[in-house]
C-alpha cells in the first residue's frame, strides 16, 4: 500500500499535530477491532488510517478545550 502524499493529508486536517493525533487514534481503533481485512495482508494500522483519511473515509471532530 502506497502512502498518501502529505499535501493531500494536510488538505483534510488543520495542522500536522491534528493529523498525528487523528492517525494515532484511528490506528489504535483498527488494532482493537482486529477484523480489518488489510491487517491480514500485513498492512500496518497507521498505513490504513492514513489511507482512510486521505480518501475521506474517516471523519474527526475537534472540540475546543474550556479555559479555566
PDB file of N, CA and C in Angstrom:
ATOM      1  N   UNK A   1       0.849  -1.169   0.000  1.00  0.00           N
ATOM      2  CA  UNK A   1       0.000   0.000   0.000  1.00  0.00           C
ATOM      3  C   UNK A   1       0.899   1.238   0.000  1.00  0.00           C
ATOM      4  N   UNK A   2       0.666   2.129  -0.941  1.00  0.00           N
ATOM      5  CA  UNK A   2       1.466   3.347  -1.067  1.00  0.00           C
ATOM      6  C   UNK A   2       0.942   4.403  -0.101  1.00  0.00           C
ATOM      7  N   UNK A   3       1.868   5.111   0.552  1.00  0.00           N
ATOM      8  CA  UNK A   3       1.488   6.159   1.495  1.00  0.00           C
ATOM      9  C   UNK A   3       0.930   7.372   0.749  1.00  0.00           C
ATOM     10  N   UNK A   4      -0.151   7.973   1.258  1.00  0.00           N
ATOM     11  CA  UNK A   4      -0.679   9.183   0.628  1.00  0.00           C
ATOM     12  C   UNK A   4       0.273  10.369   0.815  1.00  0.00           C
ATOM     13  N   UNK A   5       0.188  11.307  -0.071  1.00  0.00           N
ATOM     14  CA  UNK A   5       1.031  12.497  -0.023  1.00  0.00           C
ATOM     15  C   UNK A   5       0.674  13.368   1.183  1.00  0.00           C
ATOM     16  N   UNK A   6       1.677  14.006   1.753  1.00  0.00           N
ATOM     17  CA  UNK A   6       1.446  14.904   2.884  1.00  0.00           C
ATOM     18  C   UNK A   6       0.578  16.083   2.461  1.00  0.00           C
ATOM     19  N   UNK A   7       0.703  16.530   1.226  1.00  0.00           N
ATOM     20  CA  UNK A   7      -0.127  17.629   0.726  1.00  0.00           C
ATOM     21  C   UNK A   7      -1.607  17.257   0.744  1.00  0.00           C
ATOM     22  N   UNK A   8      -1.910  16.035   0.337  1.00  0.00           N
ATOM     23  CA  UNK A   8      -3.291  15.561   0.339  1.00  0.00           C
ATOM     24  C   UNK A   8      -3.815  15.468   1.775  1.00  0.00           C
ATOM     25  N   UNK A   9      -2.991  14.906   2.661  1.00  0.00           N
ATOM     26  CA  UNK A   9      -3.405  14.748   4.048  1.00  0.00           C
ATOM     27  C   UNK A   9      -3.607  16.096   4.740  1.00  0.00           C
ATOM     28  N   UNK A  10      -2.734  17.055   4.455  1.00  0.00           N
ATOM     29  CA  UNK A  10      -2.865  18.373   5.083  1.00  0.00           C
ATOM     30  C   UNK A  10      -4.105  19.116   4.604  1.00  0.00           C
ATOM     31  N   UNK A  11      -4.627  18.742   3.446  1.00  0.00           N
ATOM     32  CA  UNK A  11      -5.878  19.319   2.968  1.00  0.00           C
ATOM     33  C   UNK A  11      -7.084  18.801   3.735  1.00  0.00           C
ATOM     34  N   UNK A  12      -6.913  17.710   4.463  1.00  0.00           N
ATOM     35  CA  UNK A  12      -8.011  17.093   5.211  1.00  0.00           C
ATOM     36  C   UNK A  12      -8.060  17.534   6.676  1.00  0.00           C
ATOM     37  N   UNK A  13      -6.937  18.063   7.188  1.00  0.00           N
ATOM     38  CA  UNK A  13      -6.852  18.476   8.592  1.00  0.00           C
ATOM     39  C   UNK A  13      -6.320  19.899   8.669  1.00  0.00           C
ATOM     40  N   UNK A  14      -6.360  20.479   9.864  1.00  0.00           N
ATOM     41  CA  UNK A  14      -5.940  21.871  10.007  1.00  0.00           C
ATOM     42  C   UNK A  14      -4.472  22.042  10.394  1.00  0.00           C
ATOM     43  N   UNK A  15      -3.820  20.985  10.909  1.00  0.00           N
ATOM     44  CA  UNK A  15      -2.405  21.097  11.269  1.00  0.00           C
ATOM     45  C   UNK A  15      -1.765  19.707  11.294  1.00  0.00           C
ATOM     46  N   UNK A  16      -0.448  19.683  11.290  1.00  0.00           N
ATOM     47  CA  UNK A  16       0.266  18.408  11.364  1.00  0.00           C
ATOM     48  C   UNK A  16       0.019  17.727  12.701  1.00  0.00           C
ATOM     49  N   UNK A  17      -0.103  18.519  13.756  1.00  0.00           N
ATOM     50  CA  UNK A  17      -0.371  17.971  15.081  1.00  0.00           C
ATOM     51  C   UNK A  17      -1.711  17.228  15.082  1.00  0.00           C
ATOM     52  N   UNK A  18      -2.721  17.846  14.504  1.00  0.00           N
ATOM     53  CA  UNK A  18      -4.030  17.207  14.411  1.00  0.00           C
ATOM     54  C   UNK A  18      -3.940  15.914  13.614  1.00  0.00           C
ATOM     55  N   UNK A  19      -3.184  15.940  12.531  1.00  0.00           N
ATOM     56  CA  UNK A  19      -3.019  14.745  11.704  1.00  0.00           C
ATOM     57  C   UNK A  19      -2.422  13.598  12.511  1.00  0.00           C
ATOM     58  N   UNK A  20      -1.387  13.885  13.288  1.00  0.00           N
ATOM     59  CA  UNK A  20      -0.739  12.850  14.091  1.00  0.00           C
ATOM     60  C   UNK A  20      -1.717  12.260  15.113  1.00  0.00           C
ATOM     61  N   UNK A  21      -2.467  13.109  15.786  1.00  0.00           N
ATOM     62  CA  UNK A  21      -3.422  12.645  16.804  1.00  0.00           C
ATOM     63  C   UNK A  21      -4.530  11.809  16.169  1.00  0.00           C
ATOM     64  N   UNK A  22      -5.090  12.280  15.073  1.00  0.00           N
ATOM     65  CA  UNK A  22      -6.187  11.561  14.409  1.00  0.00           C
ATOM     66  C   UNK A  22      -5.712  10.210  13.887  1.00  0.00           C
ATOM     67  N   UNK A  23      -4.541  10.184  13.260  1.00  0.00           N
ATOM     68  CA  UNK A  23      -3.998   8.931  12.718  1.00  0.00           C
ATOM     69  C   UNK A  23      -3.724   7.939  13.843  1.00  0.00           C
ATOM     70  N   UNK A  24      -3.145   8.402  14.928  1.00  0.00           N
ATOM     71  CA  UNK A  24      -2.826   7.514  16.047  1.00  0.00           C
ATOM     72  C   UNK A  24      -4.084   6.926  16.683  1.00  0.00           C
ATOM     73  N   UNK A  25      -5.100   7.760  16.878  1.00  0.00           N
ATOM     74  CA  UNK A  25      -6.348   7.262  17.477  1.00  0.00           C
ATOM     75  C   UNK A  25      -7.036   6.259  16.559  1.00  0.00           C
ATOM     76  N   UNK A  26      -7.049   6.553  15.261  1.00  0.00           N
ATOM     77  CA  UNK A  26      -7.685   5.630  14.309  1.00  0.00           C
ATOM     78  C   UNK A  26      -6.902   4.318  14.227  1.00  0.00           C
ATOM     79  N   UNK A  27      -5.576   4.394  14.264  1.00  0.00           N
ATOM     80  CA  UNK A  27      -4.755   3.178  14.213  1.00  0.00           C
ATOM     81  C   UNK A  27      -5.020   2.304  15.436  1.00  0.00           C
ATOM     82  N   UNK A  28      -5.164   2.926  16.613  1.00  0.00           N
ATOM     83  CA  UNK A  28      -5.489   2.151  17.819  1.00  0.00           C
ATOM     84  C   UNK A  28      -6.845   1.464  17.682  1.00  0.00           C
ATOM     85  N   UNK A  29      -7.807   2.182  17.109  1.00  0.00           N
ATOM     86  CA  UNK A  29      -9.135   1.598  16.902  1.00  0.00           C
ATOM     87  C   UNK A  29      -9.064   0.412  15.948  1.00  0.00           C
ATOM     88  N   UNK A  30      -8.297   0.544  14.883  1.00  0.00           N
ATOM     89  CA  UNK A  30      -8.140  -0.548  13.921  1.00  0.00           C
ATOM     90  C   UNK A  30      -7.510  -1.761  14.588  1.00  0.00           C
ATOM     91  N   UNK A  31      -6.505  -1.530  15.433  1.00  0.00           N
ATOM     92  CA  UNK A  31      -5.854  -2.640  16.126  1.00  0.00           C
ATOM     93  C   UNK A  31      -6.813  -3.326  17.099  1.00  0.00           C
ATOM     94  N   UNK A  32      -7.660  -2.542  17.770  1.00  0.00           N
ATOM     95  CA  UNK A  32      -8.619  -3.117  18.707  1.00  0.00           C
ATOM     96  C   UNK A  32      -9.683  -3.940  17.980  1.00  0.00           C
ATOM     97  N   UNK A  33     -10.098  -3.479  16.817  1.00  0.00           N
ATOM     98  CA  UNK A  33     -11.103  -4.207  16.042  1.00  0.00           C
ATOM     99  C   UNK A  33     -10.550  -5.542  15.566  1.00  0.00           C
ATOM    100  N   UNK A  34      -9.315  -5.532  15.109  1.00  0.00           N
ATOM    101  CA  UNK A  34      -8.603  -6.731  14.642  1.00  0.00           C
ATOM    102  C   UNK A  34      -9.371  -7.527  13.588  1.00  0.00           C
ATOM    103  N   UNK A  35     -10.357  -6.906  12.961  1.00  0.00           N
ATOM    104  CA  UNK A  35     -11.120  -7.580  11.913  1.00  0.00           C
ATOM    105  C   UNK A  35     -10.850  -6.951  10.552  1.00  0.00           C
ATOM    106  N   UNK A  36     -10.035  -5.921  10.529  1.00  0.00           N
ATOM    107  CA  UNK A  36      -9.793  -5.196   9.284  1.00  0.00           C
ATOM    108  C   UNK A  36      -9.111  -6.121   8.284  1.00  0.00           C
ATOM    109  N   UNK A  37      -9.621  -6.170   7.065  1.00  0.00           N
ATOM    110  CA  UNK A  37      -9.127  -7.108   6.049  1.00  0.00           C
ATOM    111  C   UNK A  37      -7.683  -6.842   5.649  1.00  0.00           C
ATOM    112  N   UNK A  38      -7.223  -5.593   5.728  1.00  0.00           N
ATOM    113  CA  UNK A  38      -5.849  -5.285   5.349  1.00  0.00           C
ATOM    114  C   UNK A  38      -4.838  -5.763   6.383  1.00  0.00           C
ATOM    115  N   UNK A  39      -5.250  -5.937   7.630  1.00  0.00           N
ATOM    116  CA  UNK A  39      -4.338  -6.441   8.655  1.00  0.00           C
ATOM    117  C   UNK A  39      -3.877  -7.853   8.318  1.00  0.00           C
ATOM    118  N   UNK A  40      -4.747  -8.641   7.706  1.00  0.00           N
ATOM    119  CA  UNK A  40      -4.398  -9.997   7.307  1.00  0.00           C
ATOM    120  C   UNK A  40      -3.359  -9.990   6.181  1.00  0.00           C
ATOM    121  N   UNK A  41      -3.319  -8.909   5.407  1.00  0.00           N
ATOM    122  CA  UNK A  41      -2.357  -8.792   4.309  1.00  0.00           C
ATOM    123  C   UNK A  41      -1.009  -8.254   4.777  1.00  0.00           C
ATOM    124  N   UNK A  42      -0.898  -7.915   6.060  1.00  0.00           N
ATOM    125  CA  UNK A  42       0.358  -7.407   6.600  1.00  0.00           C
ATOM    126  C   UNK A  42       0.508  -5.903   6.519  1.00  0.00           C
ATOM    127  N   UNK A  43      -0.581  -5.191   6.260  1.00  0.00           N
ATOM    128  CA  UNK A  43      -0.534  -3.734   6.194  1.00  0.00           C
ATOM    129  C   UNK A  43      -0.664  -3.194   7.618  1.00  0.00           C
ATOM    130  N   UNK A  44       0.164  -2.221   7.962  1.00  0.00           N
ATOM    131  CA  UNK A  44       0.175  -1.676   9.306  1.00  0.00           C
ATOM    132  C   UNK A  44      -1.037  -0.770   9.546  1.00  0.00           C
ATOM    133  N   UNK A  45      -1.533  -0.736  10.776  1.00  0.00           N
ATOM    134  CA  UNK A  45      -2.702   0.100  11.098  1.00  0.00           C
ATOM    135  C   UNK A  45      -2.506   1.582  10.798  1.00  0.00           C
ATOM    136  N   UNK A  46      -1.300   2.104  10.968  1.00  0.00           N
ATOM    137  CA  UNK A  46      -1.045   3.514  10.667  1.00  0.00           C
ATOM    138  C   UNK A  46      -1.214   3.766   9.169  1.00  0.00           C
ATOM    139  N   UNK A  47      -0.746   2.850   8.347  1.00  0.00           N
ATOM    140  CA  UNK A  47      -0.907   2.997   6.895  1.00  0.00           C
ATOM    141  C   UNK A  47      -2.373   2.970   6.508  1.00  0.00           C
ATOM    142  N   UNK A  48      -3.132   2.102   7.148  1.00  0.00           N
ATOM    143  CA  UNK A  48      -4.569   2.013   6.866  1.00  0.00           C
ATOM    144  C   UNK A  48      -5.259   3.319   7.248  1.00  0.00           C
ATOM    145  N   UNK A  49      -4.934   3.856   8.417  1.00  0.00           N
ATOM    146  CA  UNK A  49      -5.586   5.082   8.865  1.00  0.00           C
ATOM    147  C   UNK A  49      -5.204   6.279   7.987  1.00  0.00           C
ATOM    148  N   UNK A  50      -3.953   6.354   7.536  1.00  0.00           N
ATOM    149  CA  UNK A  50      -3.550   7.424   6.619  1.00  0.00           C
ATOM    150  C   UNK A  50      -4.335   7.339   5.315  1.00  0.00           C
ATOM    151  N   UNK A  51      -4.492   6.135   4.819  1.00  0.00           N
ATOM    152  CA  UNK A  51      -5.243   5.931   3.574  1.00  0.00           C
ATOM    153  C   UNK A  51      -6.715   6.321   3.755  1.00  0.00           C
ATOM    154  N   UNK A  52      -7.305   5.945   4.877  1.00  0.00           N
ATOM    155  CA  UNK A  52      -8.707   6.298   5.141  1.00  0.00           C
ATOM    156  C   UNK A  52      -8.896   7.799   5.231  1.00  0.00           C
ATOM    157  N   UNK A  53      -7.985   8.480   5.878  1.00  0.00           N
ATOM    158  CA  UNK A  53      -8.097   9.936   5.993  1.00  0.00           C
ATOM    159  C   UNK A  53      -7.922  10.598   4.627  1.00  0.00           C
ATOM    160  N   UNK A  54      -6.994  10.115   3.826  1.00  0.00           N
ATOM    161  CA  UNK A  54      -6.774  10.726   2.511  1.00  0.00           C
ATOM    162  C   UNK A  54      -7.968  10.540   1.582  1.00  0.00           C
ATOM    163  N   UNK A  55      -8.720   9.452   1.764  1.00  0.00           N
ATOM    164  CA  UNK A  55      -9.902   9.198   0.938  1.00  0.00           C
ATOM    165  C   UNK A  55     -11.192   9.626   1.618  1.00  0.00           C
ATOM    166  N   UNK A  56     -11.079  10.350   2.726  1.00  0.00           N
ATOM    167  CA  UNK A  56     -12.225  10.866   3.491  1.00  0.00           C
ATOM    168  C   UNK A  56     -13.173   9.768   3.943  1.00  0.00           C
ATOM    169  N   UNK A  57     -12.642   8.601   4.262  1.00  0.00           N
ATOM    170  CA  UNK A  57     -13.456   7.500   4.779  1.00  0.00           C
ATOM    171  C   UNK A  57     -13.634   7.600   6.286  1.00  0.00           C
ATOM    172  N   UNK A  58     -12.832   8.460   6.902  1.00  0.00           N
ATOM    173  CA  UNK A  58     -12.856   8.606   8.354  1.00  0.00           C
ATOM    174  C   UNK A  58     -12.966  10.087   8.676  1.00  0.00           C
ATOM    175  N   UNK A  59     -13.926  10.438   9.508  1.00  0.00           N
ATOM    176  CA  UNK A  59     -14.118  11.832   9.887  1.00  0.00           C
ATOM    177  C   UNK A  59     -13.739  12.018  11.355  1.00  0.00           C
ATOM    178  N   UNK A  60     -13.332  13.199  11.703  1.00  0.00           N
ATOM    179  CA  UNK A  60     -12.982  13.508  13.085  1.00  0.00           C
ATOM    180  C   UNK A  60     -13.606  14.845  13.449  1.00  0.00           C
ATOM    181  N   UNK A  61     -13.662  15.117  14.739  1.00  0.00           N
ATOM    182  CA  UNK A  61     -14.207  16.376  15.214  1.00  0.00           C
ATOM    183  C   UNK A  61     -13.295  16.936  16.291  1.00  0.00           C
ATOM    184  N   UNK A  62     -12.865  18.168  16.133  1.00  0.00           N
ATOM    185  CA  UNK A  62     -12.043  18.836  17.144  1.00  0.00           C
ATOM    186  C   UNK A  62     -12.963  19.606  18.077  1.00  0.00           C
ATOM    187  N   UNK A  63     -12.796  19.358  19.355  1.00  0.00           N
ATOM    188  CA  UNK A  63     -13.569  20.102  20.325  1.00  0.00           C
ATOM    189  C   UNK A  63     -12.617  21.015  21.102  1.00  0.00           C
ATOM    190  N   UNK A  64     -12.924  22.289  21.144  1.00  0.00           N
ATOM    191  CA  UNK A  64     -12.034  23.210  21.863  1.00  0.00           C
ATOM    192  C   UNK A  64     -12.096  22.976  23.374  1.00  0.00           C
ATOM    193  N   UNK A  65     -10.949  23.116  24.004  1.00  0.00           N
ATOM    194  CA  UNK A  65     -10.893  22.930  25.454  1.00  0.00           C
ATOM    195  C   UNK A  65     -11.399  24.200  26.127  1.00  0.00           C
ATOM    196  N   UNK A  66     -12.005  24.016  27.277  1.00  0.00           N
ATOM    197  CA  UNK A  66     -12.502  25.164  28.026  1.00  0.00           C
ATOM    198  C   UNK A  66     -11.356  25.807  28.812  1.00  0.00           C
ATOM    199  N   UNK A  67     -11.361  27.109  28.870  1.00  0.00           N
ATOM    200  CA  UNK A  67     -10.348  27.810  29.653  1.00  0.00           C
ATOM    201  C   UNK A  67     -10.750  27.803  31.114  1.00  0.00           C
ATOM    202  N   UNK A  68      -9.766  27.646  31.976  1.00  0.00           N
ATOM    203  CA  UNK A  68     -10.049  27.606  33.402  1.00  0.00           C
ATOM    204  C   UNK A  68      -9.765  28.942  34.021  1.00  0.00           C
TER     205      UNK A  68
END
